[in-house]
C-alpha cells in the first residue's frame, strides 16, 4: 500500500510597508510599519531598533510601538501581524536606520531621512515610487521644485 502526500512548507517572512528609504519633513508624524506574514503563531513580540538601540515605550521622546494581530480577521485565524513604530514629531537628528525585529521571523530595516524643509531629488523619487507617478509628472514636479529652490523660496 502506498499513499501520496503533499506537504506545504510555510516560511514566515517580514516585509516593510512602504519604501526602504523614507523621506519625511521635520516636525511631521512618522509611522513605520512592518508586517510578519505566514506564521503558524503570531510573534510573541516585535521589537523596533534605532541603529543598535532598542526603542521602548517609556522613552522620553514620546515614541511608541504597536502590534496589530487582527488586521485580517480575529487574532486566532490571522497569520499576519503588523508592528508599528510611531514618532509623533520627527526631528532632523532622528535620521537613522530603524529595524523591525519580530520574535519568529527575520528582521527588516528602513532608512529614515528627515528633511528640514529642503527638497531633494531622492525625496521626490521616493514619493514618485510610492505613488507611481508618470515620468512626465515627475519631471514637472522636479522642475518646479528646482525653480522654487533657485528663487530661494523653499
Protein backbone atom coordinates (compact mmCIF):
# COMPACT_ATOMS: atom_id res chain seq x y z
CA UNK A 1 0.00 0.00 0.00
CA UNK A 2 1.25 3.49 -0.79
CA UNK A 3 -0.04 6.97 -0.26
CA UNK A 4 0.79 10.22 -1.95
CA UNK A 5 1.33 13.09 0.46
CA UNK A 6 1.79 16.75 -0.44
CA UNK A 7 3.48 18.88 2.16
CA UNK A 8 3.35 22.64 2.14
CA UNK A 9 6.21 24.38 3.87
CA UNK A 10 5.26 27.66 5.50
CA UNK A 11 8.18 30.03 5.89
CA UNK A 12 7.49 33.16 7.91
CA UNK A 13 8.80 36.41 6.46
CA UNK A 14 8.81 40.07 7.39
CA UNK A 15 8.20 42.94 4.98
CA UNK A 16 8.21 46.71 5.29
CA UNK A 17 5.04 48.54 4.46
CA UNK A 18 6.38 51.35 2.29
CA UNK A 19 9.78 52.18 0.85
CA UNK A 20 13.10 51.03 2.33
CA UNK A 21 14.18 54.68 2.15
CA UNK A 22 11.68 57.09 3.71
CA UNK A 23 11.98 60.85 3.28
CA UNK A 24 9.93 62.94 5.69
CA UNK A 25 9.74 66.58 6.74
CA UNK A 26 10.97 67.60 10.19
CA UNK A 27 8.09 68.14 12.60
CA UNK A 28 5.82 65.62 10.93
CA UNK A 29 4.33 62.48 12.48
CA UNK A 30 6.01 59.32 11.20
CA UNK A 31 4.62 55.80 11.34
CA UNK A 32 6.94 52.95 10.32
CA UNK A 33 5.24 49.59 9.76
CA UNK A 34 6.37 46.04 9.15
CA UNK A 35 4.18 43.01 8.53
CA UNK A 36 5.05 39.50 9.64
CA UNK A 37 3.41 37.00 7.27
CA UNK A 38 2.81 33.27 7.09
CA UNK A 39 3.50 32.41 10.71
CA UNK A 40 1.95 29.43 12.44
CA UNK A 41 1.57 31.58 15.55
CA UNK A 42 1.67 35.36 15.92
CA UNK A 43 5.04 36.71 17.07
CA UNK A 44 5.34 36.91 20.85
CA UNK A 45 6.86 40.37 20.37
CA UNK A 46 8.06 42.79 17.72
CA UNK A 47 10.96 44.99 18.80
CA UNK A 48 11.99 48.17 16.99
CA UNK A 49 15.59 49.40 17.00
CA UNK A 50 17.15 52.71 16.07
CA UNK A 51 20.60 51.68 14.93
CA UNK A 52 21.53 49.12 17.61
CA UNK A 53 19.44 50.73 20.38
CA UNK A 54 16.10 49.17 21.31
CA UNK A 55 13.15 51.57 21.34
CA UNK A 56 10.91 51.20 24.38
CA UNK A 57 7.51 52.76 25.04
CA UNK A 58 8.82 54.57 28.13
CA UNK A 59 11.29 56.74 26.19
CA UNK A 60 11.45 60.48 26.86
CA UNK A 61 10.65 61.46 23.26
CA UNK A 62 7.09 60.10 23.27
CA UNK A 63 7.76 57.43 20.66
CA UNK A 64 5.72 54.25 20.97
CA UNK A 65 5.23 50.87 19.34
CA UNK A 66 2.05 48.99 18.49
CA UNK A 67 1.26 45.42 17.45
CA UNK A 68 -1.90 44.58 15.48
CA UNK A 69 -2.68 40.87 15.32
CA UNK A 70 -6.22 41.30 13.99
CA UNK A 71 -5.63 43.01 10.66
CA UNK A 72 -7.28 40.27 8.58
CA UNK A 73 -9.89 38.95 10.99
CA UNK A 74 -9.56 37.80 14.56
CA UNK A 75 -6.33 37.01 16.38
CA UNK A 76 -6.96 33.24 16.23
CA UNK A 77 -7.35 32.99 12.45
CA UNK A 78 -4.77 35.53 11.33
CA UNK A 79 -1.27 34.55 10.24
CA UNK A 80 -0.29 38.18 9.64
CA UNK A 81 0.81 40.69 12.26
CA UNK A 82 1.71 44.37 11.85
CA UNK A 83 4.32 46.02 14.06
CA UNK A 84 4.42 49.82 14.08
CA UNK A 85 6.78 52.46 15.41
CA UNK A 86 5.13 55.85 15.88
CA UNK A 87 7.24 59.02 16.08
CA UNK A 88 4.82 61.89 16.90
CA UNK A 89 7.19 64.73 15.93
CA UNK A 90 10.30 63.71 13.99
CA UNK A 91 13.48 65.81 14.13
CA UNK A 92 16.40 66.09 11.72
CA UNK A 93 18.64 64.22 14.18
CA UNK A 94 16.20 61.26 14.07
CA UNK A 95 17.54 60.33 10.62
CA UNK A 96 18.83 56.78 11.07
CA UNK A 97 18.29 53.10 10.33
CA UNK A 98 15.21 51.63 12.01
CA UNK A 99 14.79 47.86 12.30
CA UNK A 100 11.67 45.80 12.93
CA UNK A 101 12.63 42.55 14.67
CA UNK A 102 9.83 40.01 15.31
CA UNK A 103 10.31 37.03 17.63
CA UNK A 104 9.61 34.42 14.94
CA UNK A 105 10.78 35.87 11.62
CA UNK A 106 13.68 37.70 10.02
CA UNK A 107 14.15 41.40 10.72
CA UNK A 108 13.82 44.22 8.15
CA UNK A 109 15.25 47.73 8.18
CA UNK A 110 14.21 51.11 6.82
CA UNK A 111 16.38 54.21 6.34
CA UNK A 112 14.62 57.31 7.64
CA UNK A 113 15.79 60.63 6.17
CA UNK A 114 14.41 63.72 7.90
CA UNK A 115 14.49 66.88 5.78
CA UNK A 116 14.37 70.41 7.21
CA UNK A 117 12.04 71.71 4.53
CA UNK A 118 14.66 71.31 1.83
CA UNK A 119 13.79 69.41 -1.30
CA UNK A 120 15.93 66.73 -2.82
CA UNK A 121 15.63 64.57 -5.91
CA UNK A 122 15.73 61.49 -3.68
CA UNK A 123 12.72 62.68 -1.70
CA UNK A 124 10.76 63.26 -4.86
CA UNK A 125 11.82 59.88 -6.21
CA UNK A 126 10.58 58.25 -3.00
CA UNK A 127 7.18 59.88 -3.46
CA UNK A 128 7.18 59.00 -7.15
CA UNK A 129 7.91 55.36 -6.41
CA UNK A 130 5.20 55.03 -3.80
CA UNK A 131 2.52 56.81 -5.83
CA UNK A 132 3.55 55.52 -9.25
CA UNK A 133 3.75 58.95 -10.82
CA UNK A 134 4.31 59.04 -14.53
CA UNK A 135 7.66 60.24 -15.84
CA UNK A 136 6.21 63.49 -17.17
CA UNK A 137 4.53 64.37 -13.85
CA UNK A 138 7.77 63.55 -12.01
CA UNK A 139 9.76 65.79 -14.38
CA UNK A 140 7.24 68.60 -13.94
CA UNK A 141 7.38 68.36 -10.13
CA UNK A 142 11.18 68.21 -10.14
CA UNK A 143 11.41 71.26 -12.42
CA UNK A 144 9.00 73.20 -10.22
CA UNK A 145 10.91 72.37 -7.04
CA UNK A 146 14.25 73.25 -8.61
CA UNK A 147 12.76 76.57 -9.74
CA UNK A 148 11.50 77.27 -6.20
CA UNK A 149 14.88 76.41 -4.76
CA UNK A 150 16.64 78.66 -7.29
CA UNK A 151 14.30 81.51 -6.34
CA UNK A 152 15.13 80.95 -2.66
CA UNK A 153 11.53 80.32 -1.59
CA UNK A 154 11.91 76.85 -0.10
